[in-house]
N, C-alpha and C. Protein backbone atom coordinates (compact mmCIF):
# COMPACT_ATOMS: atom_id res chain seq x y z
N MET A 1 -119.13 -141.06 48.90
CA MET A 1 -120.51 -141.33 49.28
C MET A 1 -121.46 -140.33 48.63
N LYS A 2 -121.07 -139.04 48.69
CA LYS A 2 -121.90 -137.99 48.12
C LYS A 2 -122.04 -138.19 46.60
N GLU A 3 -120.95 -138.60 45.98
CA GLU A 3 -120.97 -138.84 44.54
C GLU A 3 -121.89 -140.00 44.19
N MET A 4 -121.89 -141.02 45.03
CA MET A 4 -122.74 -142.18 44.81
C MET A 4 -124.23 -141.79 44.93
N ILE A 5 -124.55 -140.96 45.91
CA ILE A 5 -125.94 -140.50 46.10
C ILE A 5 -126.38 -139.67 44.90
N ASN A 6 -125.50 -138.78 44.44
CA ASN A 6 -125.82 -137.97 43.26
C ASN A 6 -126.05 -138.85 42.03
N ARG A 7 -125.24 -139.89 41.89
CA ARG A 7 -125.40 -140.80 40.75
C ARG A 7 -126.72 -141.55 40.84
N ILE A 8 -127.11 -141.97 42.02
CA ILE A 8 -128.40 -142.65 42.21
C ILE A 8 -129.55 -141.71 41.86
N ILE A 9 -129.44 -140.46 42.28
CA ILE A 9 -130.48 -139.47 41.99
C ILE A 9 -130.60 -139.25 40.48
N VAL A 10 -129.46 -139.11 39.80
CA VAL A 10 -129.47 -138.90 38.35
C VAL A 10 -130.06 -140.11 37.64
N ASP A 11 -129.62 -141.31 38.02
CA ASP A 11 -130.14 -142.52 37.39
C ASP A 11 -131.64 -142.68 37.64
N SER A 12 -132.08 -142.36 38.84
CA SER A 12 -133.50 -142.44 39.17
C SER A 12 -134.30 -141.45 38.33
N ASN A 13 -133.76 -140.25 38.18
CA ASN A 13 -134.43 -139.23 37.40
C ASN A 13 -134.57 -139.66 35.94
N ILE A 14 -133.51 -140.25 35.39
CA ILE A 14 -133.55 -140.73 34.01
C ILE A 14 -134.58 -141.85 33.86
N ALA A 15 -134.58 -142.78 34.79
CA ALA A 15 -135.53 -143.89 34.74
C ALA A 15 -136.96 -143.39 34.89
N LEU A 16 -137.17 -142.42 35.77
CA LEU A 16 -138.51 -141.87 35.99
C LEU A 16 -139.01 -141.15 34.74
N ARG A 17 -138.14 -140.39 34.10
CA ARG A 17 -138.54 -139.69 32.87
C ARG A 17 -138.87 -140.68 31.76
N ALA A 18 -138.08 -141.73 31.65
CA ALA A 18 -138.32 -142.74 30.62
C ALA A 18 -139.67 -143.42 30.86
N LYS A 19 -139.96 -143.75 32.10
CA LYS A 19 -141.24 -144.40 32.43
C LYS A 19 -142.40 -143.44 32.17
N ALA A 20 -142.24 -142.17 32.53
CA ALA A 20 -143.30 -141.18 32.29
C ALA A 20 -143.54 -141.04 30.79
N TYR A 21 -142.49 -141.06 29.99
CA TYR A 21 -142.63 -140.98 28.54
C TYR A 21 -143.37 -142.20 28.00
N ASP A 22 -143.01 -143.39 28.50
CA ASP A 22 -143.69 -144.62 28.07
C ASP A 22 -145.18 -144.56 28.39
N ILE A 23 -145.51 -144.10 29.58
CA ILE A 23 -146.91 -144.01 29.99
C ILE A 23 -147.66 -143.00 29.13
N SER A 24 -147.04 -141.86 28.88
CA SER A 24 -147.71 -140.84 28.05
C SER A 24 -147.91 -141.33 26.62
N GLU A 25 -146.97 -142.08 26.09
CA GLU A 25 -147.13 -142.64 24.75
C GLU A 25 -148.27 -143.66 24.72
N LYS A 26 -148.37 -144.47 25.76
CA LYS A 26 -149.44 -145.46 25.84
C LYS A 26 -150.80 -144.77 25.89
N ILE A 27 -150.90 -143.72 26.68
CA ILE A 27 -152.16 -142.97 26.78
C ILE A 27 -152.48 -142.33 25.44
N ARG A 28 -151.49 -141.75 24.79
CA ARG A 28 -151.71 -141.10 23.50
C ARG A 28 -152.20 -142.10 22.46
N LYS A 29 -151.64 -143.30 22.45
CA LYS A 29 -152.04 -144.31 21.47
C LYS A 29 -153.45 -144.82 21.76
N GLU A 30 -153.81 -144.97 23.03
CA GLU A 30 -155.14 -145.44 23.39
C GLU A 30 -156.19 -144.40 23.08
N ASP A 31 -155.82 -143.13 23.10
CA ASP A 31 -156.76 -142.04 22.90
C ASP A 31 -156.94 -141.72 21.42
N LYS A 32 -156.24 -142.43 20.56
CA LYS A 32 -156.29 -142.16 19.13
C LYS A 32 -157.72 -142.39 18.61
N GLY A 33 -158.24 -141.44 17.85
CA GLY A 33 -159.58 -141.58 17.30
C GLY A 33 -160.67 -140.96 18.15
N MET A 34 -160.35 -140.58 19.37
CA MET A 34 -161.36 -139.99 20.24
C MET A 34 -161.83 -138.65 19.70
N ALA A 35 -160.95 -137.89 19.12
CA ALA A 35 -161.34 -136.57 18.61
C ALA A 35 -162.39 -136.72 17.51
N THR A 36 -162.27 -137.75 16.69
CA THR A 36 -163.23 -137.97 15.63
C THR A 36 -164.60 -138.31 16.20
N ALA A 37 -164.64 -139.15 17.22
CA ALA A 37 -165.91 -139.50 17.84
C ALA A 37 -166.54 -138.29 18.52
N GLU A 38 -165.73 -137.51 19.20
CA GLU A 38 -166.25 -136.30 19.85
C GLU A 38 -166.75 -135.31 18.81
N TYR A 39 -166.05 -135.20 17.70
CA TYR A 39 -166.45 -134.31 16.62
C TYR A 39 -167.81 -134.74 16.06
N ALA A 40 -168.00 -136.03 15.88
CA ALA A 40 -169.27 -136.55 15.36
C ALA A 40 -170.41 -136.26 16.32
N ILE A 41 -170.17 -136.41 17.62
CA ILE A 41 -171.22 -136.14 18.61
C ILE A 41 -171.60 -134.66 18.58
N VAL A 42 -170.61 -133.79 18.47
CA VAL A 42 -170.90 -132.34 18.41
C VAL A 42 -171.68 -132.01 17.15
N LEU A 43 -171.34 -132.64 16.03
CA LEU A 43 -172.07 -132.39 14.79
C LEU A 43 -173.53 -132.84 14.90
N VAL A 44 -173.77 -133.99 15.51
CA VAL A 44 -175.14 -134.47 15.69
C VAL A 44 -175.91 -133.51 16.60
N ALA A 45 -175.29 -133.07 17.67
CA ALA A 45 -175.95 -132.13 18.59
C ALA A 45 -176.25 -130.81 17.90
N ALA A 46 -175.31 -130.29 17.14
CA ALA A 46 -175.51 -129.02 16.44
C ALA A 46 -176.61 -129.13 15.39
N THR A 47 -176.65 -130.24 14.68
CA THR A 47 -177.69 -130.45 13.68
C THR A 47 -179.05 -130.57 14.33
N SER A 48 -179.12 -131.26 15.45
CA SER A 48 -180.38 -131.37 16.19
C SER A 48 -180.85 -130.01 16.67
N PHE A 49 -179.94 -129.21 17.19
CA PHE A 49 -180.28 -127.87 17.66
C PHE A 49 -180.75 -127.00 16.50
N ALA A 50 -180.09 -127.11 15.35
CA ALA A 50 -180.51 -126.34 14.17
C ALA A 50 -181.91 -126.76 13.72
N GLY A 51 -182.19 -128.05 13.76
CA GLY A 51 -183.53 -128.53 13.41
C GLY A 51 -184.59 -128.00 14.35
N LEU A 52 -184.27 -127.95 15.62
CA LEU A 52 -185.19 -127.40 16.62
C LEU A 52 -185.44 -125.92 16.35
N LEU A 53 -184.39 -125.17 16.04
CA LEU A 53 -184.56 -123.74 15.74
C LEU A 53 -185.41 -123.53 14.50
N VAL A 54 -185.21 -124.34 13.48
CA VAL A 54 -186.01 -124.21 12.26
C VAL A 54 -187.47 -124.48 12.57
N ALA A 55 -187.73 -125.52 13.35
CA ALA A 55 -189.12 -125.84 13.72
C ALA A 55 -189.75 -124.70 14.51
N LEU A 56 -188.99 -124.12 15.43
CA LEU A 56 -189.51 -123.00 16.22
C LEU A 56 -189.79 -121.77 15.35
N LEU A 57 -188.86 -121.47 14.45
CA LEU A 57 -189.02 -120.27 13.62
C LEU A 57 -190.14 -120.42 12.60
N LYS A 58 -190.49 -121.64 12.24
CA LYS A 58 -191.60 -121.86 11.32
C LYS A 58 -192.96 -121.75 12.01
N SER A 59 -192.97 -121.83 13.33
CA SER A 59 -194.26 -121.75 14.04
C SER A 59 -194.81 -120.33 13.96
N GLU A 60 -196.12 -120.24 13.90
CA GLU A 60 -196.79 -118.94 13.75
C GLU A 60 -196.57 -118.06 14.97
N ALA A 61 -196.55 -118.64 16.16
CA ALA A 61 -196.38 -117.85 17.39
C ALA A 61 -195.03 -117.14 17.40
N VAL A 62 -193.98 -117.86 17.10
CA VAL A 62 -192.64 -117.27 17.10
C VAL A 62 -192.52 -116.26 15.96
N ARG A 63 -193.10 -116.58 14.83
CA ARG A 63 -193.05 -115.67 13.69
C ARG A 63 -193.72 -114.34 14.03
N SER A 64 -194.86 -114.39 14.70
CA SER A 64 -195.56 -113.14 15.06
C SER A 64 -194.77 -112.35 16.11
N ILE A 65 -194.15 -113.06 17.06
CA ILE A 65 -193.33 -112.37 18.08
C ILE A 65 -192.15 -111.66 17.41
N LEU A 66 -191.47 -112.36 16.51
CA LEU A 66 -190.33 -111.75 15.82
C LEU A 66 -190.77 -110.59 14.93
N SER A 67 -191.89 -110.75 14.26
CA SER A 67 -192.40 -109.68 13.41
C SER A 67 -192.73 -108.44 14.23
N LYS A 68 -193.37 -108.64 15.39
CA LYS A 68 -193.70 -107.51 16.27
C LYS A 68 -192.42 -106.86 16.78
N LEU A 69 -191.45 -107.66 17.14
CA LEU A 69 -190.18 -107.14 17.65
C LEU A 69 -189.49 -106.26 16.60
N VAL A 70 -189.44 -106.75 15.37
CA VAL A 70 -188.80 -105.99 14.29
C VAL A 70 -189.59 -104.71 14.00
N THR A 71 -190.92 -104.82 13.96
CA THR A 71 -191.76 -103.65 13.71
C THR A 71 -191.57 -102.59 14.79
N ASP A 72 -191.55 -103.02 16.05
CA ASP A 72 -191.34 -102.08 17.15
C ASP A 72 -189.96 -101.44 17.08
N ALA A 73 -188.96 -102.22 16.73
CA ALA A 73 -187.60 -101.69 16.64
C ALA A 73 -187.49 -100.67 15.50
N LEU A 74 -188.13 -100.95 14.39
CA LEU A 74 -188.06 -100.03 13.25
C LEU A 74 -188.90 -98.78 13.49
N SER A 75 -189.94 -98.89 14.29
CA SER A 75 -190.78 -97.71 14.55
C SER A 75 -190.06 -96.72 15.46
N ILE A 76 -189.11 -97.18 16.24
CA ILE A 76 -188.34 -96.30 17.12
C ILE A 76 -187.38 -95.44 16.29
N ILE A 77 -186.86 -96.02 15.24
CA ILE A 77 -185.88 -95.32 14.40
C ILE A 77 -186.60 -94.33 13.58
């Protein structure tokens, strides 16, 4: 009886692992290409942020603030 229970446990474990592997393979195949889409979204966001920074740095107000900051920092040295 004990041997039969052990055999059932082993067989169940094997079947469970096989099913888990099948499910993980299915998920992996469905997720194919997602990294490329996520990469493209990050690139668009980074480019937009860079454009915003360029626009800010070209403005006279930000330029004068940065100039004053650098002048003050150099005057301390």
